[in-house]
């Protein structure tokens, strides 16, 4: 069901094409690449977010637990399991995957769309 982290003991099993992810950072203030603090109230365009895949349903083909995925945080369904917040979505709602398993190839960028 999941990767080699504490997520192995989640008391749920994903169905069909569903993907359960844990968002990398909480919403709010963030830092730019140059270290500038950007307040949560700053107006920005539509911003996608990175998350770690925790569990996948049996019909999910492109991602597996442990992958980092890019998704739209505005189109999400949140769920709390054992006090930890997760995001539940369909596989088709993911925009990209950055997976360690792809880094071994010579000309790989680590991302695929």
N, C-alpha and C. Protein backbone atom coordinates (compact mmCIF):
# COMPACT_ATOMS: atom_id res chain seq x y z
N UNK A 1 0.82 -1.19 0.00
CA UNK A 1 0.00 0.00 0.00
C UNK A 1 0.85 1.24 0.00
N UNK A 2 1.95 1.27 0.72
CA UNK A 2 2.68 2.53 0.76
C UNK A 2 4.17 2.32 0.88
N UNK A 3 4.89 3.42 0.95
CA UNK A 3 6.35 3.40 0.96
C UNK A 3 6.90 2.93 2.29
N UNK A 4 8.20 3.06 2.44
CA UNK A 4 8.87 2.54 3.63
C UNK A 4 8.94 3.56 4.76
N UNK A 5 7.94 4.38 4.92
CA UNK A 5 7.89 5.36 6.00
C UNK A 5 6.81 4.96 6.98
N UNK A 6 6.52 5.84 7.93
CA UNK A 6 5.48 5.55 8.93
C UNK A 6 4.10 5.43 8.29
N UNK A 7 3.97 5.76 7.00
CA UNK A 7 2.68 5.65 6.31
C UNK A 7 2.29 4.19 6.09
N UNK A 8 3.23 3.25 6.28
CA UNK A 8 2.94 1.84 6.08
C UNK A 8 1.77 1.37 6.93
N UNK A 9 1.50 2.03 8.03
CA UNK A 9 0.50 1.57 8.96
C UNK A 9 -0.80 2.37 8.89
N UNK A 10 -1.04 3.06 7.77
CA UNK A 10 -2.30 3.79 7.63
C UNK A 10 -3.45 2.79 7.65
N UNK A 11 -4.52 3.10 8.37
CA UNK A 11 -5.64 2.17 8.49
C UNK A 11 -6.62 2.23 7.33
N UNK A 12 -6.16 2.65 6.16
CA UNK A 12 -7.04 2.73 4.99
C UNK A 12 -6.37 2.11 3.79
N UNK A 13 -7.18 1.74 2.80
CA UNK A 13 -6.68 1.21 1.54
C UNK A 13 -7.34 2.03 0.44
N UNK A 14 -6.55 2.57 -0.47
CA UNK A 14 -7.08 3.40 -1.54
C UNK A 14 -7.76 2.51 -2.58
N UNK A 15 -8.80 3.04 -3.21
CA UNK A 15 -9.54 2.30 -4.21
C UNK A 15 -9.39 2.94 -5.59
N UNK A 16 -9.55 2.13 -6.61
CA UNK A 16 -9.62 2.55 -8.00
C UNK A 16 -8.44 3.44 -8.41
N UNK A 17 -8.71 4.65 -8.89
CA UNK A 17 -7.65 5.53 -9.39
C UNK A 17 -7.32 6.64 -8.40
N UNK A 18 -7.58 6.41 -7.12
CA UNK A 18 -7.36 7.44 -6.11
C UNK A 18 -5.91 7.44 -5.63
N UNK A 19 -5.42 8.64 -5.33
CA UNK A 19 -4.06 8.84 -4.83
C UNK A 19 -4.15 9.65 -3.56
N UNK A 20 -3.48 9.21 -2.51
CA UNK A 20 -3.43 9.94 -1.24
C UNK A 20 -2.03 10.54 -1.12
N UNK A 21 -1.97 11.86 -0.91
CA UNK A 21 -0.68 12.54 -0.82
C UNK A 21 -0.61 13.37 0.44
N UNK A 22 0.62 13.66 0.86
CA UNK A 22 0.87 14.57 1.97
C UNK A 22 1.61 15.76 1.40
N UNK A 23 1.05 16.94 1.56
CA UNK A 23 1.62 18.15 0.99
C UNK A 23 2.96 18.47 1.65
N UNK A 24 3.94 18.90 0.85
CA UNK A 24 5.29 19.18 1.33
C UNK A 24 5.33 20.29 2.37
N UNK A 25 4.65 21.38 2.14
CA UNK A 25 4.68 22.51 3.07
C UNK A 25 3.27 22.97 3.36
N UNK A 26 3.12 23.55 4.51
CA UNK A 26 1.82 24.11 4.86
C UNK A 26 1.62 25.40 4.08
N UNK A 27 0.36 25.75 3.87
CA UNK A 27 0.07 26.99 3.18
C UNK A 27 0.44 28.15 4.09
N UNK A 28 0.75 29.25 3.49
CA UNK A 28 1.11 30.42 4.27
C UNK A 28 2.36 31.04 3.72
N UNK A 29 3.18 31.59 4.60
CA UNK A 29 4.40 32.24 4.16
C UNK A 29 5.33 31.23 3.50
N UNK A 30 6.10 31.72 2.52
CA UNK A 30 7.09 30.87 1.86
C UNK A 30 8.27 31.74 1.46
N UNK A 31 9.35 31.12 1.09
CA UNK A 31 10.56 31.86 0.68
C UNK A 31 10.80 31.65 -0.81
N UNK A 32 11.26 32.71 -1.46
CA UNK A 32 11.63 32.61 -2.86
C UNK A 32 12.97 31.91 -2.95
N UNK A 33 13.40 31.60 -4.18
CA UNK A 33 14.70 30.96 -4.38
C UNK A 33 15.84 31.82 -3.87
N UNK A 34 15.66 33.14 -3.85
CA UNK A 34 16.69 34.05 -3.36
C UNK A 34 16.61 34.31 -1.87
N UNK A 35 15.64 33.68 -1.18
CA UNK A 35 15.52 33.83 0.26
C UNK A 35 14.59 34.92 0.72
N UNK A 36 13.87 35.54 -0.20
CA UNK A 36 12.93 36.60 0.17
C UNK A 36 11.66 35.97 0.73
N UNK A 37 11.21 36.46 1.87
CA UNK A 37 10.00 35.96 2.51
C UNK A 37 8.78 36.52 1.78
N UNK A 38 7.90 35.62 1.31
CA UNK A 38 6.68 36.02 0.61
C UNK A 38 5.51 35.75 1.54
N UNK A 39 4.77 36.78 1.95
CA UNK A 39 3.66 36.58 2.88
C UNK A 39 2.51 35.80 2.24
N UNK A 40 1.72 35.15 3.08
CA UNK A 40 0.60 34.35 2.61
C UNK A 40 -0.44 35.21 1.90
N UNK A 41 -0.49 36.49 2.20
CA UNK A 41 -1.48 37.38 1.60
C UNK A 41 -1.06 37.93 0.25
N UNK A 42 0.16 37.64 -0.19
CA UNK A 42 0.65 38.16 -1.47
C UNK A 42 -0.16 37.56 -2.62
N UNK A 43 -0.57 38.43 -3.54
CA UNK A 43 -1.34 37.98 -4.70
C UNK A 43 -0.40 37.34 -5.71
N UNK A 44 -0.67 36.09 -6.03
CA UNK A 44 0.12 35.38 -7.04
C UNK A 44 -0.85 34.68 -7.97
N UNK A 45 -0.35 34.30 -9.13
CA UNK A 45 -1.17 33.54 -10.06
C UNK A 45 -1.44 32.15 -9.51
N UNK A 46 -2.11 31.37 -10.28
CA UNK A 46 -2.41 30.00 -9.87
C UNK A 46 -1.11 29.26 -9.63
N UNK A 47 -0.92 28.78 -8.42
CA UNK A 47 0.34 28.14 -8.04
C UNK A 47 0.09 26.67 -7.73
N UNK A 48 0.86 25.79 -8.38
CA UNK A 48 0.77 24.36 -8.12
C UNK A 48 1.63 24.02 -6.90
N UNK A 49 1.37 22.88 -6.30
CA UNK A 49 2.07 22.47 -5.09
C UNK A 49 2.65 21.07 -5.25
N UNK A 50 3.74 20.80 -4.53
CA UNK A 50 4.36 19.48 -4.50
C UNK A 50 3.86 18.71 -3.29
N UNK A 51 3.76 17.40 -3.45
CA UNK A 51 3.35 16.52 -2.36
C UNK A 51 4.00 15.16 -2.54
N UNK A 52 4.03 14.39 -1.47
CA UNK A 52 4.56 13.02 -1.50
C UNK A 52 3.39 12.05 -1.58
N UNK A 53 3.47 11.09 -2.50
CA UNK A 53 2.44 10.06 -2.61
C UNK A 53 2.58 9.11 -1.43
N UNK A 54 1.48 8.90 -0.72
CA UNK A 54 1.48 8.05 0.46
C UNK A 54 0.85 6.69 0.15
N UNK A 55 -0.22 6.70 -0.63
CA UNK A 55 -0.91 5.45 -0.97
C UNK A 55 -1.61 5.62 -2.31
N UNK A 56 -1.77 4.51 -3.04
CA UNK A 56 -2.43 4.55 -4.35
C UNK A 56 -3.43 3.40 -4.45
N UNK A 57 -4.47 3.61 -5.26
CA UNK A 57 -5.44 2.57 -5.55
C UNK A 57 -4.90 1.58 -6.56
N UNK A 58 -5.61 0.46 -6.73
CA UNK A 58 -5.12 -0.61 -7.60
C UNK A 58 -5.11 -0.24 -9.08
N UNK A 59 -5.84 0.79 -9.50
CA UNK A 59 -5.86 1.19 -10.92
C UNK A 59 -4.91 2.33 -11.25
N UNK A 60 -4.14 2.79 -10.30
CA UNK A 60 -3.17 3.86 -10.54
C UNK A 60 -1.97 3.25 -11.26
N UNK A 61 -1.55 3.86 -12.38
CA UNK A 61 -0.48 3.29 -13.19
C UNK A 61 0.79 4.12 -13.23
N UNK A 62 0.71 5.44 -13.08
CA UNK A 62 1.86 6.29 -13.34
C UNK A 62 2.65 6.67 -12.10
N UNK A 63 2.10 6.52 -10.92
CA UNK A 63 2.81 6.90 -9.71
C UNK A 63 2.76 5.77 -8.70
N UNK A 64 3.69 5.83 -7.75
CA UNK A 64 3.71 4.85 -6.66
C UNK A 64 4.09 5.56 -5.38
N UNK A 65 3.81 4.94 -4.24
CA UNK A 65 4.16 5.57 -2.96
C UNK A 65 5.62 5.97 -2.92
N UNK A 66 5.87 7.18 -2.39
CA UNK A 66 7.22 7.70 -2.32
C UNK A 66 7.53 8.72 -3.41
N UNK A 67 6.76 8.72 -4.51
CA UNK A 67 6.97 9.70 -5.57
C UNK A 67 6.56 11.08 -5.11
N UNK A 68 7.17 12.11 -5.68
CA UNK A 68 6.75 13.49 -5.45
C UNK A 68 5.94 13.92 -6.66
N UNK A 69 4.77 14.47 -6.42
CA UNK A 69 3.87 14.84 -7.51
C UNK A 69 3.48 16.31 -7.42
N UNK A 70 3.13 16.86 -8.57
CA UNK A 70 2.71 18.25 -8.68
C UNK A 70 1.22 18.27 -8.92
N UNK A 71 0.48 19.06 -8.12
CA UNK A 71 -0.97 19.10 -8.25
C UNK A 71 -1.47 20.52 -7.97
N UNK A 72 -2.73 20.76 -8.31
CA UNK A 72 -3.36 22.05 -8.07
C UNK A 72 -4.02 22.01 -6.70
N UNK A 73 -3.51 22.78 -5.74
CA UNK A 73 -4.07 22.73 -4.39
C UNK A 73 -5.49 23.30 -4.28
N UNK A 74 -5.95 23.97 -5.32
CA UNK A 74 -7.32 24.50 -5.28
C UNK A 74 -8.34 23.41 -5.57
N UNK A 75 -7.93 22.36 -6.28
CA UNK A 75 -8.82 21.24 -6.61
C UNK A 75 -8.45 20.05 -5.74
N UNK A 76 -8.80 20.11 -4.47
CA UNK A 76 -8.39 19.04 -3.59
C UNK A 76 -9.47 18.70 -2.58
N UNK A 77 -9.41 17.48 -2.11
CA UNK A 77 -10.27 17.02 -1.02
C UNK A 77 -9.34 16.62 0.11
N UNK A 78 -9.48 17.28 1.24
CA UNK A 78 -8.61 17.00 2.37
C UNK A 78 -9.23 15.98 3.30
N UNK A 79 -8.37 15.18 3.92
CA UNK A 79 -8.81 14.19 4.89
C UNK A 79 -7.73 14.11 5.97
N UNK A 80 -8.17 13.85 7.18
CA UNK A 80 -7.22 13.71 8.28
C UNK A 80 -7.25 12.26 8.75
N UNK A 81 -6.08 11.64 8.81
CA UNK A 81 -5.95 10.26 9.27
C UNK A 81 -4.96 10.25 10.41
N UNK A 82 -5.41 9.83 11.58
CA UNK A 82 -4.58 9.80 12.78
C UNK A 82 -3.94 11.15 13.06
N UNK A 83 -4.69 12.21 12.85
CA UNK A 83 -4.22 13.55 13.15
C UNK A 83 -3.31 14.18 12.12
N UNK A 84 -3.05 13.48 11.01
CA UNK A 84 -2.18 14.01 9.96
C UNK A 84 -3.05 14.38 8.75
N UNK A 85 -2.91 15.61 8.24
CA UNK A 85 -3.70 16.02 7.07
C UNK A 85 -3.13 15.45 5.77
N UNK A 86 -4.00 14.93 4.93
CA UNK A 86 -3.65 14.40 3.61
C UNK A 86 -4.58 15.01 2.57
N UNK A 87 -4.20 14.87 1.30
CA UNK A 87 -5.03 15.31 0.19
C UNK A 87 -5.36 14.08 -0.63
N UNK A 88 -6.63 13.93 -0.97
CA UNK A 88 -7.11 12.80 -1.76
C UNK A 88 -7.49 13.31 -3.14
N UNK A 89 -7.03 12.63 -4.19
CA UNK A 89 -7.35 13.06 -5.55
C UNK A 89 -7.33 11.87 -6.50
N UNK A 90 -7.78 12.11 -7.71
CA UNK A 90 -7.69 11.09 -8.75
C UNK A 90 -6.34 11.21 -9.44
N UNK A 91 -5.87 10.11 -9.99
CA UNK A 91 -4.58 10.13 -10.67
C UNK A 91 -4.57 11.15 -11.80
N UNK A 92 -5.65 11.31 -12.50
CA UNK A 92 -5.70 12.24 -13.63
C UNK A 92 -5.56 13.70 -13.21
N UNK A 93 -5.73 14.01 -11.91
CA UNK A 93 -5.58 15.37 -11.43
C UNK A 93 -4.13 15.75 -11.12
N UNK A 94 -3.22 14.81 -11.26
CA UNK A 94 -1.80 15.10 -11.06
C UNK A 94 -1.23 15.70 -12.34
N UNK A 95 -0.33 16.67 -12.20
CA UNK A 95 0.24 17.35 -13.36
C UNK A 95 1.62 16.82 -13.75
N UNK A 96 2.41 16.37 -12.79
CA UNK A 96 3.76 15.88 -13.08
C UNK A 96 4.25 15.02 -11.93
N UNK A 97 5.30 14.25 -12.20
CA UNK A 97 5.91 13.39 -11.19
C UNK A 97 7.41 13.63 -11.20
N UNK A 98 7.99 13.79 -10.03
CA UNK A 98 9.44 13.86 -9.87
C UNK A 98 9.80 12.68 -8.99
N UNK A 99 10.25 11.59 -9.60
CA UNK A 99 10.49 10.37 -8.85
C UNK A 99 11.96 10.00 -8.85
N UNK A 100 12.45 9.57 -7.70
CA UNK A 100 13.85 9.14 -7.59
C UNK A 100 14.15 7.98 -8.52
N UNK A 101 13.20 7.15 -8.81
CA UNK A 101 13.46 5.98 -9.63
C UNK A 101 13.82 6.34 -11.07
N UNK A 102 13.57 7.59 -11.51
CA UNK A 102 13.90 8.01 -12.87
C UNK A 102 15.26 8.70 -12.95
N UNK A 103 15.88 9.00 -11.82
CA UNK A 103 17.12 9.76 -11.82
C UNK A 103 18.32 8.97 -12.31
N UNK A 104 18.22 7.66 -12.44
CA UNK A 104 19.34 6.85 -12.86
C UNK A 104 19.69 6.97 -14.33
N UNK A 105 18.76 7.38 -15.17
CA UNK A 105 19.06 7.47 -16.60
C UNK A 105 19.89 8.72 -16.89
N UNK A 106 20.75 8.64 -17.89
CA UNK A 106 21.72 9.68 -18.18
C UNK A 106 21.08 11.01 -18.56
N UNK A 107 20.08 11.01 -19.44
CA UNK A 107 19.52 12.25 -19.92
C UNK A 107 18.19 12.61 -19.24
N UNK A 108 17.92 12.01 -18.13
CA UNK A 108 16.67 12.27 -17.43
C UNK A 108 16.72 13.56 -16.65
N UNK A 109 15.60 14.29 -16.63
CA UNK A 109 15.50 15.50 -15.84
C UNK A 109 14.93 15.19 -14.47
N UNK A 110 14.41 13.97 -14.28
CA UNK A 110 13.78 13.63 -13.02
C UNK A 110 12.30 13.94 -13.03
N UNK A 111 11.84 14.59 -14.09
CA UNK A 111 10.42 14.93 -14.21
C UNK A 111 9.88 14.36 -15.51
N UNK A 112 8.63 13.97 -15.49
CA UNK A 112 7.98 13.65 -16.75
C UNK A 112 6.55 14.14 -16.68
N UNK A 113 5.99 14.46 -17.82
CA UNK A 113 4.63 14.98 -17.89
C UNK A 113 3.76 14.01 -18.64
